[in-house]
Amino acid sequence: MSLQDKKQAVKTSLFASKAPLEWAITHNGTLYTAQIPIDQNGVVVDGGIDAQTRKTLDNLVHTLECAGESMDSVLQVLIYVTDREYLATVNKVYAEYFNAPYPNRAAMVVAGLAREEMLVELVVYAAVKE
C-alpha cells in the first residue's frame, strides 16, 4: 500500500481554501494541521492578537473534533507570530485551551505570514486513533 493510500483528509466545516491544501491530514496515528485566524467566510478576524489567537485555537478545536480527538491529543505546537510582543498574549490565551501535560512547543517571530493581516499561525501535530 502506498503512502497516498494511507493518508486521509480530515473533513471540517472550515472555509474551503482555493489553495491546494487540506486543513488537516492524518497518517499512521498522527494528525498534521496548520491553523489560521479565519472565519467561515475565509476572512481574517479583527480584534488584534487576542481575537486572532482565540479564533485560531477555536479552529484547531473544531478540526480535532472532526477527527474524533480533543486538545488532549495535541503533541506539539509550532507558534508563528509577527511581533515578539504578541507572545505574552498568545501564552495567556493558549493556557485557556490546554491542560497539563502540555504539548511540546516552539515559538517563532517571523517577518510576515501568508496574509498580511494575520498576526499568528499554528502548526500542530496530534495523536489520533487509527
N, C-alpha and C. Protein backbone atom coordinates (compact mmCIF):
# COMPACT_ATOMS: atom_id res chain seq x y z
N MET A 1 0.84 -1.18 0.00
CA MET A 1 0.00 0.00 0.00
C MET A 1 0.89 1.25 0.00
N SER A 2 0.58 2.22 -0.83
CA SER A 2 1.39 3.43 -0.92
C SER A 2 1.02 4.42 0.18
N LEU A 3 1.89 5.40 0.41
CA LEU A 3 1.60 6.44 1.39
C LEU A 3 0.31 7.18 1.03
N GLN A 4 0.10 7.40 -0.26
CA GLN A 4 -1.11 8.10 -0.70
C GLN A 4 -2.36 7.34 -0.25
N ASP A 5 -2.30 6.02 -0.26
CA ASP A 5 -3.45 5.21 0.15
C ASP A 5 -3.71 5.31 1.64
N LYS A 6 -2.69 5.64 2.41
CA LYS A 6 -2.84 5.64 3.87
C LYS A 6 -3.21 7.01 4.43
N LYS A 7 -2.79 8.09 3.79
CA LYS A 7 -3.11 9.40 4.35
C LYS A 7 -4.57 9.74 4.08
N GLN A 8 -5.18 10.39 5.06
CA GLN A 8 -6.60 10.72 4.98
C GLN A 8 -6.82 12.18 5.30
N ALA A 9 -7.63 12.85 4.52
CA ALA A 9 -8.02 14.23 4.82
C ALA A 9 -9.07 14.20 5.93
N VAL A 10 -8.98 15.16 6.84
CA VAL A 10 -9.99 15.33 7.88
C VAL A 10 -11.02 16.31 7.33
N LYS A 11 -12.25 15.89 7.25
CA LYS A 11 -13.32 16.76 6.74
C LYS A 11 -13.78 17.69 7.85
N THR A 12 -13.69 19.00 7.60
CA THR A 12 -14.11 20.01 8.57
C THR A 12 -15.13 20.93 7.91
N SER A 13 -15.68 21.85 8.69
CA SER A 13 -16.55 22.87 8.11
C SER A 13 -15.83 24.22 8.04
N LEU A 14 -14.48 24.18 8.11
CA LEU A 14 -13.71 25.40 7.95
C LEU A 14 -13.82 25.89 6.50
N PHE A 15 -13.52 27.15 6.28
CA PHE A 15 -13.59 27.75 4.96
C PHE A 15 -12.81 26.90 3.95
N ALA A 16 -13.43 26.62 2.82
CA ALA A 16 -12.79 25.81 1.78
C ALA A 16 -11.81 26.67 1.00
N SER A 17 -10.53 26.52 1.28
CA SER A 17 -9.48 27.31 0.65
C SER A 17 -9.38 26.99 -0.83
N LYS A 18 -9.03 28.01 -1.61
CA LYS A 18 -8.78 27.78 -3.03
C LYS A 18 -7.37 27.24 -3.24
N ALA A 19 -6.53 27.35 -2.21
CA ALA A 19 -5.16 26.82 -2.29
C ALA A 19 -5.19 25.29 -2.27
N PRO A 20 -4.20 24.65 -2.83
CA PRO A 20 -4.16 23.18 -2.84
C PRO A 20 -3.72 22.65 -1.47
N LEU A 21 -4.68 22.59 -0.54
CA LEU A 21 -4.38 22.13 0.81
C LEU A 21 -5.59 21.51 1.47
N GLU A 22 -5.34 20.74 2.49
CA GLU A 22 -6.37 20.24 3.40
C GLU A 22 -6.11 20.92 4.73
N TRP A 23 -7.15 21.15 5.52
CA TRP A 23 -6.95 21.75 6.84
C TRP A 23 -6.25 20.78 7.77
N ALA A 24 -6.43 19.50 7.53
CA ALA A 24 -5.72 18.50 8.35
C ALA A 24 -5.63 17.20 7.57
N ILE A 25 -4.54 16.50 7.81
CA ILE A 25 -4.29 15.18 7.22
C ILE A 25 -3.91 14.25 8.37
N THR A 26 -4.41 13.02 8.32
CA THR A 26 -3.95 12.02 9.28
C THR A 26 -3.19 10.94 8.52
N HIS A 27 -2.20 10.42 9.21
CA HIS A 27 -1.42 9.32 8.65
C HIS A 27 -0.70 8.62 9.79
N ASN A 28 -0.83 7.31 9.83
CA ASN A 28 -0.06 6.49 10.75
C ASN A 28 -0.18 6.97 12.21
N GLY A 29 -1.40 7.33 12.62
CA GLY A 29 -1.65 7.71 14.01
C GLY A 29 -1.33 9.14 14.37
N THR A 30 -1.01 9.98 13.37
CA THR A 30 -0.70 11.38 13.64
C THR A 30 -1.57 12.29 12.76
N LEU A 31 -2.05 13.37 13.36
CA LEU A 31 -2.78 14.40 12.63
C LEU A 31 -1.82 15.57 12.42
N TYR A 32 -1.80 16.08 11.21
CA TYR A 32 -0.97 17.22 10.83
C TYR A 32 -1.89 18.35 10.42
N THR A 33 -1.72 19.53 11.00
CA THR A 33 -2.58 20.65 10.64
C THR A 33 -1.86 21.97 10.84
N ALA A 34 -2.27 22.97 10.08
CA ALA A 34 -1.86 24.36 10.29
C ALA A 34 -3.16 25.15 10.40
N GLN A 35 -3.24 25.99 11.42
CA GLN A 35 -4.47 26.74 11.67
C GLN A 35 -4.19 28.24 11.66
N ILE A 36 -5.14 28.97 11.10
CA ILE A 36 -5.03 30.42 10.99
C ILE A 36 -6.31 31.07 11.50
N PRO A 37 -6.27 32.39 11.75
CA PRO A 37 -7.41 33.08 12.36
C PRO A 37 -8.46 33.54 11.35
N ILE A 38 -9.07 32.58 10.63
CA ILE A 38 -10.10 32.96 9.67
C ILE A 38 -11.47 32.47 10.11
N ASP A 39 -12.49 33.21 9.67
CA ASP A 39 -13.87 32.84 9.97
C ASP A 39 -14.43 31.93 8.87
N GLN A 40 -15.72 31.66 8.95
CA GLN A 40 -16.38 30.74 7.99
C GLN A 40 -16.34 31.25 6.55
N ASN A 41 -16.13 32.57 6.39
CA ASN A 41 -16.07 33.16 5.06
C ASN A 41 -14.65 33.30 4.54
N GLY A 42 -13.67 32.83 5.32
CA GLY A 42 -12.28 32.92 4.91
C GLY A 42 -11.65 34.26 5.21
N VAL A 43 -12.32 35.07 6.03
CA VAL A 43 -11.83 36.40 6.37
C VAL A 43 -11.03 36.33 7.67
N VAL A 44 -9.86 36.96 7.70
CA VAL A 44 -9.06 37.04 8.92
C VAL A 44 -9.83 37.91 9.92
N VAL A 45 -10.00 37.41 11.14
CA VAL A 45 -10.80 38.12 12.14
C VAL A 45 -10.11 39.38 12.62
N ASP A 46 -10.93 40.38 12.96
CA ASP A 46 -10.45 41.63 13.55
C ASP A 46 -10.27 41.43 15.05
N GLY A 47 -9.66 42.42 15.71
CA GLY A 47 -9.57 42.39 17.16
C GLY A 47 -8.18 42.18 17.69
N GLY A 48 -7.18 42.17 16.82
CA GLY A 48 -5.81 42.05 17.28
C GLY A 48 -5.40 40.64 17.64
N ILE A 49 -4.28 40.54 18.34
CA ILE A 49 -3.68 39.24 18.62
C ILE A 49 -4.54 38.37 19.52
N ASP A 50 -5.25 38.94 20.49
CA ASP A 50 -6.11 38.14 21.36
C ASP A 50 -7.20 37.45 20.54
N ALA A 51 -7.93 38.21 19.75
CA ALA A 51 -9.03 37.65 18.94
C ALA A 51 -8.50 36.66 17.91
N GLN A 52 -7.36 36.98 17.30
CA GLN A 52 -6.80 36.07 16.29
C GLN A 52 -6.32 34.77 16.92
N THR A 53 -5.73 34.84 18.10
CA THR A 53 -5.27 33.62 18.77
C THR A 53 -6.47 32.75 19.14
N ARG A 54 -7.51 33.36 19.70
CA ARG A 54 -8.72 32.61 20.06
C ARG A 54 -9.35 31.93 18.84
N LYS A 55 -9.46 32.65 17.74
CA LYS A 55 -10.07 32.07 16.54
C LYS A 55 -9.20 30.93 16.00
N THR A 56 -7.90 31.10 16.02
CA THR A 56 -7.00 30.05 15.55
C THR A 56 -7.15 28.80 16.41
N LEU A 57 -7.22 28.98 17.72
CA LEU A 57 -7.38 27.83 18.63
C LEU A 57 -8.78 27.24 18.52
N ASP A 58 -9.80 28.06 18.32
CA ASP A 58 -11.16 27.53 18.09
C ASP A 58 -11.18 26.68 16.81
N ASN A 59 -10.50 27.14 15.77
CA ASN A 59 -10.43 26.36 14.53
C ASN A 59 -9.70 25.04 14.77
N LEU A 60 -8.69 25.06 15.62
CA LEU A 60 -7.98 23.83 15.97
C LEU A 60 -8.90 22.87 16.73
N VAL A 61 -9.63 23.38 17.71
CA VAL A 61 -10.57 22.54 18.46
C VAL A 61 -11.55 21.88 17.49
N HIS A 62 -12.11 22.66 16.57
CA HIS A 62 -13.06 22.13 15.58
C HIS A 62 -12.41 21.03 14.74
N THR A 63 -11.21 21.28 14.27
CA THR A 63 -10.51 20.30 13.42
C THR A 63 -10.26 19.00 14.18
N LEU A 64 -9.80 19.12 15.42
CA LEU A 64 -9.57 17.92 16.23
C LEU A 64 -10.86 17.16 16.48
N GLU A 65 -11.94 17.86 16.78
CA GLU A 65 -13.24 17.20 16.99
C GLU A 65 -13.69 16.48 15.74
N CYS A 66 -13.45 17.06 14.58
CA CYS A 66 -13.81 16.40 13.31
C CYS A 66 -13.01 15.12 13.10
N ALA A 67 -11.84 15.05 13.72
CA ALA A 67 -11.00 13.85 13.64
C ALA A 67 -11.28 12.89 14.79
N GLY A 68 -12.27 13.23 15.64
CA GLY A 68 -12.61 12.38 16.78
C GLY A 68 -11.66 12.54 17.94
N GLU A 69 -10.98 13.66 18.02
CA GLU A 69 -9.98 13.90 19.06
C GLU A 69 -10.28 15.19 19.82
N SER A 70 -9.42 15.51 20.79
CA SER A 70 -9.57 16.72 21.59
C SER A 70 -8.21 17.38 21.72
N MET A 71 -8.17 18.50 22.41
CA MET A 71 -6.91 19.21 22.63
C MET A 71 -5.92 18.35 23.42
N ASP A 72 -6.41 17.38 24.18
CA ASP A 72 -5.52 16.49 24.92
C ASP A 72 -4.69 15.60 23.99
N SER A 73 -5.09 15.50 22.72
CA SER A 73 -4.36 14.69 21.75
C SER A 73 -3.16 15.41 21.15
N VAL A 74 -3.07 16.72 21.38
CA VAL A 74 -2.01 17.52 20.76
C VAL A 74 -0.65 17.18 21.39
N LEU A 75 0.31 16.89 20.52
CA LEU A 75 1.66 16.52 20.94
C LEU A 75 2.64 17.68 20.84
N GLN A 76 2.52 18.46 19.77
CA GLN A 76 3.47 19.55 19.53
C GLN A 76 2.76 20.70 18.81
N VAL A 77 3.15 21.92 19.19
CA VAL A 77 2.61 23.13 18.57
C VAL A 77 3.79 24.03 18.18
N LEU A 78 3.78 24.49 16.94
CA LEU A 78 4.74 25.48 16.47
C LEU A 78 3.96 26.78 16.30
N ILE A 79 4.33 27.79 17.06
CA ILE A 79 3.63 29.07 17.07
C ILE A 79 4.42 30.07 16.24
N TYR A 80 3.74 30.71 15.30
CA TYR A 80 4.35 31.76 14.49
C TYR A 80 3.61 33.06 14.79
N VAL A 81 4.35 34.10 15.19
CA VAL A 81 3.77 35.42 15.41
C VAL A 81 4.59 36.45 14.64
N THR A 82 3.98 37.57 14.34
CA THR A 82 4.67 38.61 13.56
C THR A 82 5.30 39.68 14.44
N ASP A 83 5.15 39.55 15.77
CA ASP A 83 5.77 40.51 16.70
C ASP A 83 6.05 39.79 18.01
N ARG A 84 7.25 39.92 18.51
CA ARG A 84 7.64 39.27 19.77
C ARG A 84 6.70 39.65 20.92
N GLU A 85 6.19 40.86 20.93
CA GLU A 85 5.29 41.31 22.00
C GLU A 85 3.99 40.52 22.03
N TYR A 86 3.62 39.88 20.93
CA TYR A 86 2.38 39.09 20.89
C TYR A 86 2.48 37.81 21.71
N LEU A 87 3.69 37.35 21.98
CA LEU A 87 3.85 36.06 22.66
C LEU A 87 3.19 36.02 24.04
N ALA A 88 3.22 37.11 24.79
CA ALA A 88 2.58 37.12 26.12
C ALA A 88 1.08 36.88 25.99
N THR A 89 0.44 37.51 25.03
CA THR A 89 -1.00 37.31 24.81
C THR A 89 -1.28 35.91 24.32
N VAL A 90 -0.48 35.43 23.38
CA VAL A 90 -0.66 34.06 22.87
C VAL A 90 -0.55 33.07 24.03
N ASN A 91 0.45 33.24 24.90
CA ASN A 91 0.61 32.35 26.06
C ASN A 91 -0.61 32.37 26.96
N LYS A 92 -1.15 33.54 27.22
CA LYS A 92 -2.32 33.68 28.10
C LYS A 92 -3.52 32.94 27.51
N VAL A 93 -3.80 33.18 26.25
CA VAL A 93 -4.95 32.53 25.60
C VAL A 93 -4.69 31.03 25.46
N TYR A 94 -3.51 30.65 25.06
CA TYR A 94 -3.10 29.24 24.88
C TYR A 94 -3.39 28.45 26.15
N ALA A 95 -3.06 29.03 27.31
CA ALA A 95 -3.25 28.35 28.60
C ALA A 95 -4.71 28.06 28.90
N GLU A 96 -5.63 28.79 28.28
CA GLU A 96 -7.07 28.54 28.45
C GLU A 96 -7.54 27.31 27.67
N TYR A 97 -6.78 26.89 26.68
CA TYR A 97 -7.18 25.80 25.79
C TYR A 97 -6.50 24.47 26.11
N PHE A 98 -5.38 24.52 26.81
CA PHE A 98 -4.62 23.30 27.07
C PHE A 98 -4.51 23.03 28.57
N ASN A 99 -4.41 21.76 28.90
CA ASN A 99 -4.18 21.31 30.28
C ASN A 99 -2.87 20.52 30.32
N ALA A 100 -2.28 20.45 31.50
CA ALA A 100 -1.07 19.65 31.69
C ALA A 100 -1.41 18.17 31.54
N PRO A 101 -0.54 17.36 31.01
CA PRO A 101 0.76 17.75 30.48
C PRO A 101 0.58 18.49 29.15
N TYR A 102 1.25 19.65 29.05
CA TYR A 102 1.13 20.49 27.88
C TYR A 102 1.89 19.90 26.70
N PRO A 103 1.46 20.25 25.48
CA PRO A 103 2.22 19.80 24.32
C PRO A 103 3.61 20.43 24.30
N ASN A 104 4.54 19.75 23.67
CA ASN A 104 5.82 20.35 23.37
C ASN A 104 5.54 21.51 22.42
N ARG A 105 6.34 22.57 22.50
CA ARG A 105 6.09 23.66 21.57
C ARG A 105 7.32 24.52 21.34
N ALA A 106 7.25 25.26 20.26
CA ALA A 106 8.27 26.23 19.92
C ALA A 106 7.53 27.47 19.42
N ALA A 107 8.15 28.63 19.60
CA ALA A 107 7.56 29.88 19.13
C ALA A 107 8.58 30.61 18.27
N MET A 108 8.10 31.12 17.14
CA MET A 108 8.97 31.84 16.23
C MET A 108 8.37 33.19 15.90
N VAL A 109 9.21 34.19 15.83
CA VAL A 109 8.81 35.51 15.38
C VAL A 109 9.24 35.62 13.92
N VAL A 110 8.26 35.90 13.05
CA VAL A 110 8.52 35.92 11.62
C VAL A 110 8.21 37.29 11.03
N ALA A 111 8.77 37.56 9.88
CA ALA A 111 8.56 38.86 9.23
C ALA A 111 7.12 39.03 8.74
N GLY A 112 6.46 37.94 8.43
CA GLY A 112 5.10 38.01 7.93
C GLY A 112 4.55 36.63 7.68
N LEU A 113 3.23 36.56 7.54
CA LEU A 113 2.54 35.30 7.26
C LEU A 113 1.86 35.41 5.89
N ALA A 114 1.20 34.35 5.45
CA ALA A 114 0.65 34.29 4.10
C ALA A 114 -0.29 35.46 3.78
N ARG A 115 -1.06 35.86 4.77
CA ARG A 115 -1.93 37.02 4.59
C ARG A 115 -1.39 38.15 5.46
N GLU A 116 -1.27 39.30 4.89
CA GLU A 116 -0.64 40.43 5.58
C GLU A 116 -1.29 40.75 6.92
N GLU A 117 -2.61 40.58 7.02
CA GLU A 117 -3.34 40.93 8.24
C GLU A 117 -3.24 39.86 9.34
N MET A 118 -2.68 38.70 9.02
CA MET A 118 -2.53 37.64 10.02
C MET A 118 -1.38 37.95 10.96
N LEU A 119 -1.64 37.77 12.26
CA LEU A 119 -0.65 38.03 13.29
C LEU A 119 -0.12 36.74 13.90
N VAL A 120 -0.84 35.62 13.70
CA VAL A 120 -0.49 34.35 14.33
C VAL A 120 -0.90 33.19 13.42
N GLU A 121 -0.12 32.12 13.49
CA GLU A 121 -0.45 30.86 12.82
C GLU A 121 0.11 29.75 13.67
N LEU A 122 -0.60 28.63 13.72
CA LEU A 122 -0.16 27.47 14.50
C LEU A 122 0.00 26.26 13.59
N VAL A 123 1.11 25.57 13.72
CA VAL A 123 1.30 24.27 13.09
C VAL A 123 1.23 23.26 14.23
N VAL A 124 0.37 22.24 14.06
CA VAL A 124 0.07 21.34 15.16
C VAL A 124 0.16 19.88 14.72
N TYR A 125 0.72 19.06 15.61
CA TYR A 125 0.79 17.62 15.43
C TYR A 125 0.05 16.99 16.60
N ALA A 126 -0.85 16.05 16.30
CA ALA A 126 -1.64 15.42 17.35
C ALA A 126 -1.74 13.92 17.09
N ALA A 127 -1.88 13.16 18.17
CA ALA A 127 -2.09 11.72 18.07
C ALA A 127 -3.56 11.47 17.73
N VAL A 128 -3.82 10.51 16.86
CA VAL A 128 -5.18 10.13 16.52
C VAL A 128 -5.31 8.61 16.55
N LYS A 129 -6.52 8.18 16.84
CA LYS A 129 -6.80 6.74 16.77
C LYS A 129 -6.92 6.34 15.32
N GLU A 130 -6.38 5.20 14.98
CA GLU A 130 -6.45 4.73 13.59
C GLU A 130 -7.73 4.00 13.34
